[in-house]
Amino acid sequence: MMKLIKIIDEQTKKCEVALNENPDEKTLAYYTAQGFAEGEWELGYDGVPYVKGHAPVPPVPTMEEQKAKRAAAYAMDVDPITAHIQRLRDEAEPDEEKIAALISERAEKVAAIREKYPYPEN
C-alpha cells in the first residue's frame, strides 16, 4: 500500500494524502514529483488530514453546548422510558416489577448521558 503525504501547511502540519493499493512506478514518480513523500498521517476532529501526532485537540465544549447535547440525549433516550413508566402507572393494576425495571433502566441511561456529556469545570 502506497502511503504518501505532502505537507501543505508547515505550521499546522496539515497534509494531503495519496493512497494506492498497488502503485506502479509511473504513479510513484508522479506523486514524488508533486512533492509527496512517505509518511504517516491521521485525520483530525475537523476532518482534515495532519502529519501523525499533529492533529489538533478538539476544543472543550461550553456549558451551553453540553446542556444542549444532554437535552437532546434525554429527549431521545430517557423521555420515552419516562412516558412508558407513566402509562404503566395509569393502568388499573400497575405492573410494579416492570415499572421498577424501567426506573432502573432510565437511571442507567441518565448516568451514561452524564458521563458522555460532562459539564466543564468552572
N, C-alpha and C. Protein backbone atom coordinates (compact mmCIF):
# COMPACT_ATOMS: atom_id res chain seq x y z
N MET A 1 0.85 -1.18 0.00
CA MET A 1 0.00 0.00 0.00
C MET A 1 0.89 1.23 0.00
N MET A 2 0.65 2.10 -0.94
CA MET A 2 1.37 3.36 -1.01
C MET A 2 0.71 4.34 -0.05
N LYS A 3 1.50 4.92 0.85
CA LYS A 3 1.02 5.96 1.76
C LYS A 3 1.98 7.12 1.66
N LEU A 4 1.58 8.11 0.88
CA LEU A 4 2.41 9.28 0.69
C LEU A 4 1.68 10.50 1.22
N ILE A 5 2.44 11.43 1.79
CA ILE A 5 1.85 12.67 2.27
C ILE A 5 2.64 13.85 1.73
N LYS A 6 1.95 14.97 1.66
CA LYS A 6 2.58 16.22 1.24
C LYS A 6 2.09 17.28 2.22
N ILE A 7 3.00 17.85 2.99
CA ILE A 7 2.63 18.87 3.97
C ILE A 7 2.25 20.14 3.22
N ILE A 8 1.06 20.66 3.49
CA ILE A 8 0.59 21.87 2.82
C ILE A 8 0.61 23.08 3.74
N ASP A 9 0.82 22.86 5.04
CA ASP A 9 0.95 23.96 5.99
C ASP A 9 1.97 23.55 7.05
N GLU A 10 3.14 24.13 6.97
CA GLU A 10 4.22 23.76 7.89
C GLU A 10 3.88 24.06 9.35
N GLN A 11 3.11 25.11 9.59
CA GLN A 11 2.78 25.49 10.96
C GLN A 11 1.83 24.51 11.62
N THR A 12 0.75 24.17 10.92
CA THR A 12 -0.25 23.28 11.50
C THR A 12 0.00 21.81 11.17
N LYS A 13 0.86 21.56 10.19
CA LYS A 13 1.17 20.21 9.71
C LYS A 13 -0.02 19.56 8.99
N LYS A 14 -0.88 20.41 8.39
CA LYS A 14 -1.93 19.85 7.52
C LYS A 14 -1.23 19.23 6.33
N CYS A 15 -1.83 18.15 5.82
CA CYS A 15 -1.20 17.49 4.68
C CYS A 15 -2.23 16.96 3.70
N GLU A 16 -1.75 16.68 2.51
CA GLU A 16 -2.52 15.96 1.52
C GLU A 16 -2.06 14.51 1.59
N VAL A 17 -2.93 13.60 1.26
CA VAL A 17 -2.61 12.18 1.37
C VAL A 17 -2.87 11.50 0.03
N ALA A 18 -1.93 10.63 -0.34
CA ALA A 18 -2.11 9.80 -1.54
C ALA A 18 -2.03 8.34 -1.11
N LEU A 19 -3.09 7.61 -1.35
CA LEU A 19 -3.15 6.19 -1.00
C LEU A 19 -3.39 5.40 -2.28
N ASN A 20 -2.71 4.26 -2.39
CA ASN A 20 -2.90 3.41 -3.55
C ASN A 20 -2.51 1.99 -3.16
N GLU A 21 -3.37 1.03 -3.45
CA GLU A 21 -3.10 -0.37 -3.09
C GLU A 21 -1.87 -0.92 -3.81
N ASN A 22 -1.82 -0.78 -5.10
CA ASN A 22 -0.74 -1.36 -5.91
C ASN A 22 -0.21 -0.33 -6.90
N PRO A 23 0.56 0.63 -6.44
CA PRO A 23 1.04 1.67 -7.36
C PRO A 23 2.13 1.14 -8.29
N ASP A 24 2.11 1.62 -9.51
CA ASP A 24 3.21 1.27 -10.41
C ASP A 24 4.27 2.37 -10.30
N GLU A 25 5.38 2.17 -10.96
CA GLU A 25 6.49 3.13 -10.84
C GLU A 25 6.12 4.49 -11.40
N LYS A 26 5.28 4.52 -12.41
CA LYS A 26 4.84 5.79 -13.01
C LYS A 26 4.02 6.60 -11.99
N THR A 27 3.14 5.91 -11.25
CA THR A 27 2.34 6.57 -10.23
C THR A 27 3.22 7.11 -9.12
N LEU A 28 4.16 6.30 -8.67
CA LEU A 28 5.08 6.74 -7.61
C LEU A 28 5.90 7.94 -8.08
N ALA A 29 6.37 7.90 -9.30
CA ALA A 29 7.16 9.01 -9.85
C ALA A 29 6.33 10.29 -9.92
N TYR A 30 5.06 10.15 -10.33
CA TYR A 30 4.18 11.32 -10.42
C TYR A 30 4.03 11.98 -9.05
N TYR A 31 3.68 11.20 -8.04
CA TYR A 31 3.46 11.77 -6.71
C TYR A 31 4.75 12.32 -6.11
N THR A 32 5.86 11.66 -6.34
CA THR A 32 7.14 12.15 -5.84
C THR A 32 7.46 13.49 -6.48
N ALA A 33 7.21 13.62 -7.77
CA ALA A 33 7.44 14.88 -8.48
C ALA A 33 6.54 16.00 -7.95
N GLN A 34 5.38 15.63 -7.42
CA GLN A 34 4.44 16.61 -6.86
C GLN A 34 4.80 17.02 -5.43
N GLY A 35 5.84 16.42 -4.88
CA GLY A 35 6.29 16.78 -3.54
C GLY A 35 5.82 15.84 -2.44
N PHE A 36 5.24 14.72 -2.80
CA PHE A 36 4.80 13.74 -1.81
C PHE A 36 5.99 12.88 -1.37
N ALA A 37 5.95 12.44 -0.12
CA ALA A 37 6.97 11.54 0.41
C ALA A 37 6.28 10.57 1.36
N GLU A 38 6.97 9.46 1.67
CA GLU A 38 6.40 8.51 2.61
C GLU A 38 6.22 9.17 3.97
N GLY A 39 5.12 8.84 4.62
CA GLY A 39 4.86 9.40 5.94
C GLY A 39 3.56 8.90 6.51
N GLU A 40 3.43 9.05 7.80
CA GLU A 40 2.20 8.65 8.50
C GLU A 40 1.32 9.88 8.70
N TRP A 41 0.03 9.66 8.71
CA TRP A 41 -0.93 10.75 8.88
C TRP A 41 -2.09 10.28 9.73
N GLU A 42 -2.86 11.25 10.21
CA GLU A 42 -4.07 10.96 10.98
C GLU A 42 -5.12 12.01 10.63
N LEU A 43 -6.36 11.62 10.77
CA LEU A 43 -7.47 12.52 10.48
C LEU A 43 -7.81 13.29 11.74
N GLY A 44 -7.85 14.61 11.64
CA GLY A 44 -8.20 15.45 12.78
C GLY A 44 -9.69 15.45 13.03
N TYR A 45 -10.10 15.95 14.20
CA TYR A 45 -11.53 16.02 14.53
C TYR A 45 -12.28 16.89 13.53
N ASP A 46 -11.55 17.78 12.84
CA ASP A 46 -12.16 18.68 11.87
C ASP A 46 -12.26 18.06 10.47
N GLY A 47 -11.86 16.78 10.34
CA GLY A 47 -11.95 16.08 9.07
C GLY A 47 -10.78 16.33 8.13
N VAL A 48 -9.76 17.02 8.61
CA VAL A 48 -8.59 17.35 7.81
C VAL A 48 -7.44 16.40 8.16
N PRO A 49 -6.68 15.92 7.16
CA PRO A 49 -5.53 15.07 7.50
C PRO A 49 -4.34 15.91 7.99
N TYR A 50 -3.64 15.37 8.98
CA TYR A 50 -2.46 16.01 9.56
C TYR A 50 -1.35 14.97 9.64
N VAL A 51 -0.10 15.46 9.67
CA VAL A 51 1.02 14.58 9.93
C VAL A 51 0.76 13.92 11.28
N LYS A 52 1.01 12.62 11.36
CA LYS A 52 0.72 11.87 12.59
C LYS A 52 1.33 12.56 13.80
N GLY A 53 0.51 12.74 14.84
CA GLY A 53 0.96 13.38 16.07
C GLY A 53 0.72 14.87 16.12
N HIS A 54 0.19 15.45 15.04
CA HIS A 54 -0.01 16.90 14.98
C HIS A 54 -1.47 17.32 14.82
N ALA A 55 -2.39 16.38 14.87
CA ALA A 55 -3.80 16.73 14.74
C ALA A 55 -4.22 17.55 15.95
N PRO A 56 -5.00 18.61 15.73
CA PRO A 56 -5.42 19.45 16.85
C PRO A 56 -6.38 18.72 17.79
N VAL A 57 -6.35 19.12 19.03
CA VAL A 57 -7.25 18.56 20.04
C VAL A 57 -8.58 19.31 19.93
N PRO A 58 -9.69 18.59 19.95
CA PRO A 58 -10.98 19.28 19.86
C PRO A 58 -11.16 20.23 21.05
N PRO A 59 -11.79 21.37 20.81
CA PRO A 59 -11.99 22.31 21.90
C PRO A 59 -12.94 21.73 22.95
N VAL A 60 -12.75 22.16 24.19
CA VAL A 60 -13.64 21.71 25.27
C VAL A 60 -15.01 22.34 25.04
N PRO A 61 -16.07 21.53 25.05
CA PRO A 61 -17.41 22.08 24.83
C PRO A 61 -17.80 23.05 25.96
N THR A 62 -18.57 24.06 25.59
CA THR A 62 -19.05 25.02 26.59
C THR A 62 -20.20 24.40 27.38
N MET A 63 -20.54 25.05 28.46
CA MET A 63 -21.66 24.61 29.30
C MET A 63 -22.95 24.56 28.45
N GLU A 64 -23.16 25.57 27.64
CA GLU A 64 -24.37 25.63 26.82
C GLU A 64 -24.41 24.49 25.81
N GLU A 65 -23.26 24.18 25.20
CA GLU A 65 -23.22 23.08 24.24
C GLU A 65 -23.52 21.75 24.92
N GLN A 66 -22.95 21.54 26.09
CA GLN A 66 -23.19 20.29 26.82
C GLN A 66 -24.65 20.19 27.26
N LYS A 67 -25.22 21.30 27.71
CA LYS A 67 -26.64 21.28 28.10
C LYS A 67 -27.51 20.89 26.92
N ALA A 68 -27.20 21.44 25.75
CA ALA A 68 -27.99 21.13 24.55
C ALA A 68 -27.83 19.65 24.17
N LYS A 69 -26.61 19.14 24.25
CA LYS A 69 -26.38 17.73 23.93
C LYS A 69 -27.09 16.82 24.91
N ARG A 70 -27.04 17.18 26.20
CA ARG A 70 -27.74 16.37 27.21
C ARG A 70 -29.24 16.40 26.97
N ALA A 71 -29.77 17.59 26.69
CA ALA A 71 -31.22 17.71 26.48
C ALA A 71 -31.66 16.84 25.30
N ALA A 72 -30.88 16.85 24.23
CA ALA A 72 -31.22 16.02 23.07
C ALA A 72 -31.14 14.54 23.42
N ALA A 73 -30.12 14.16 24.17
CA ALA A 73 -29.97 12.75 24.56
C ALA A 73 -31.09 12.32 25.49
N TYR A 74 -31.47 13.19 26.44
CA TYR A 74 -32.58 12.86 27.34
C TYR A 74 -33.87 12.69 26.54
N ALA A 75 -34.12 13.60 25.59
CA ALA A 75 -35.35 13.51 24.79
C ALA A 75 -35.38 12.22 23.98
N MET A 76 -34.22 11.79 23.51
CA MET A 76 -34.16 10.59 22.67
C MET A 76 -34.19 9.31 23.49
N ASP A 77 -33.47 9.26 24.61
CA ASP A 77 -33.28 8.00 25.34
C ASP A 77 -34.05 7.87 26.65
N VAL A 78 -34.26 8.99 27.34
CA VAL A 78 -34.85 8.93 28.68
C VAL A 78 -36.36 9.21 28.66
N ASP A 79 -36.76 10.22 27.92
CA ASP A 79 -38.18 10.61 27.92
C ASP A 79 -39.12 9.48 27.49
N PRO A 80 -38.77 8.67 26.50
CA PRO A 80 -39.68 7.56 26.15
C PRO A 80 -39.86 6.56 27.30
N ILE A 81 -38.80 6.34 28.07
CA ILE A 81 -38.91 5.42 29.22
C ILE A 81 -39.82 6.04 30.27
N THR A 82 -39.65 7.35 30.52
CA THR A 82 -40.49 8.04 31.49
C THR A 82 -41.96 7.96 31.08
N ALA A 83 -42.23 8.15 29.80
CA ALA A 83 -43.61 8.08 29.30
C ALA A 83 -44.17 6.67 29.48
N HIS A 84 -43.33 5.67 29.24
CA HIS A 84 -43.76 4.27 29.40
C HIS A 84 -44.09 4.00 30.87
N ILE A 85 -43.25 4.49 31.77
CA ILE A 85 -43.50 4.32 33.21
C ILE A 85 -44.84 4.95 33.58
N GLN A 86 -45.08 6.15 33.07
CA GLN A 86 -46.33 6.84 33.39
C GLN A 86 -47.55 6.08 32.86
N ARG A 87 -47.44 5.54 31.64
CA ARG A 87 -48.55 4.77 31.08
C ARG A 87 -48.84 3.54 31.94
N LEU A 88 -47.77 2.87 32.41
CA LEU A 88 -47.97 1.70 33.27
C LEU A 88 -48.62 2.09 34.60
N ARG A 89 -48.22 3.22 35.14
CA ARG A 89 -48.81 3.69 36.42
C ARG A 89 -50.28 4.08 36.25
N ASP A 90 -50.66 4.46 35.05
CA ASP A 90 -52.05 4.88 34.80
C ASP A 90 -53.00 3.68 34.69
N GLU A 91 -52.46 2.48 34.57
CA GLU A 91 -53.31 1.31 34.46
C GLU A 91 -54.00 1.02 35.80
N ALA A 92 -55.12 0.32 35.73
CA ALA A 92 -55.88 -0.02 36.94
C ALA A 92 -55.03 -0.84 37.90
N GLU A 93 -54.26 -1.77 37.38
CA GLU A 93 -53.37 -2.58 38.21
C GLU A 93 -51.95 -2.47 37.63
N PRO A 94 -51.18 -1.48 38.08
CA PRO A 94 -49.83 -1.27 37.54
C PRO A 94 -48.92 -2.47 37.80
N ASP A 95 -48.08 -2.78 36.84
CA ASP A 95 -47.09 -3.86 36.96
C ASP A 95 -45.84 -3.25 37.63
N GLU A 96 -45.78 -3.37 38.95
CA GLU A 96 -44.72 -2.73 39.72
C GLU A 96 -43.33 -3.28 39.38
N GLU A 97 -43.24 -4.55 39.02
CA GLU A 97 -41.94 -5.11 38.64
C GLU A 97 -41.44 -4.47 37.35
N LYS A 98 -42.34 -4.35 36.39
CA LYS A 98 -41.97 -3.72 35.12
C LYS A 98 -41.60 -2.26 35.34
N ILE A 99 -42.34 -1.57 36.17
CA ILE A 99 -42.05 -0.16 36.48
C ILE A 99 -40.67 -0.04 37.13
N ALA A 100 -40.39 -0.91 38.09
CA ALA A 100 -39.08 -0.88 38.76
C ALA A 100 -37.95 -1.15 37.76
N ALA A 101 -38.15 -2.08 36.85
CA ALA A 101 -37.13 -2.38 35.85
C ALA A 101 -36.91 -1.17 34.93
N LEU A 102 -38.00 -0.51 34.56
CA LEU A 102 -37.87 0.67 33.70
C LEU A 102 -37.19 1.82 34.44
N ILE A 103 -37.49 1.99 35.71
CA ILE A 103 -36.84 3.04 36.50
C ILE A 103 -35.34 2.79 36.57
N SER A 104 -34.96 1.55 36.75
CA SER A 104 -33.55 1.18 36.79
C SER A 104 -32.89 1.45 35.43
N GLU A 105 -33.56 1.06 34.36
CA GLU A 105 -33.03 1.30 33.01
C GLU A 105 -32.86 2.79 32.75
N ARG A 106 -33.85 3.57 33.18
CA ARG A 106 -33.79 5.02 33.00
C ARG A 106 -32.61 5.61 33.76
N ALA A 107 -32.39 5.16 34.99
CA ALA A 107 -31.26 5.65 35.80
C ALA A 107 -29.93 5.35 35.11
N GLU A 108 -29.81 4.17 34.52
CA GLU A 108 -28.59 3.81 33.79
C GLU A 108 -28.38 4.72 32.59
N LYS A 109 -29.46 5.01 31.88
CA LYS A 109 -29.37 5.90 30.71
C LYS A 109 -28.95 7.30 31.14
N VAL A 110 -29.53 7.80 32.22
CA VAL A 110 -29.17 9.13 32.71
C VAL A 110 -27.70 9.17 33.10
N ALA A 111 -27.22 8.15 33.79
CA ALA A 111 -25.81 8.10 34.19
C ALA A 111 -24.90 8.07 32.96
N ALA A 112 -25.28 7.31 31.94
CA ALA A 112 -24.48 7.23 30.72
C ALA A 112 -24.43 8.57 30.00
N ILE A 113 -25.56 9.27 29.97
CA ILE A 113 -25.60 10.59 29.33
C ILE A 113 -24.72 11.58 30.09
N ARG A 114 -24.80 11.56 31.41
CA ARG A 114 -23.96 12.47 32.21
C ARG A 114 -22.48 12.19 32.01
N GLU A 115 -22.15 10.91 31.84
CA GLU A 115 -20.74 10.55 31.61
C GLU A 115 -20.29 10.97 30.20
N LYS A 116 -21.16 10.79 29.24
CA LYS A 116 -20.82 11.12 27.85
C LYS A 116 -20.73 12.62 27.63
N TYR A 117 -21.56 13.39 28.32
CA TYR A 117 -21.61 14.85 28.15
C TYR A 117 -21.37 15.54 29.48
N PRO A 118 -20.16 15.47 30.02
CA PRO A 118 -19.90 16.11 31.31
C PRO A 118 -19.89 17.63 31.18
N TYR A 119 -20.30 18.28 32.23
CA TYR A 119 -20.23 19.73 32.25
C TYR A 119 -18.79 20.16 32.50
N PRO A 120 -18.35 21.22 31.80
CA PRO A 120 -16.97 21.67 32.03
C PRO A 120 -16.81 22.23 33.44
N GLU A 121 -15.61 22.09 33.96
CA GLU A 121 -15.35 22.63 35.30
C GLU A 121 -15.18 24.13 35.19
N ASN A 122 -15.61 24.84 36.22
CA ASN A 122 -15.58 26.32 36.32
C ASN A 122 -16.75 26.87 35.61
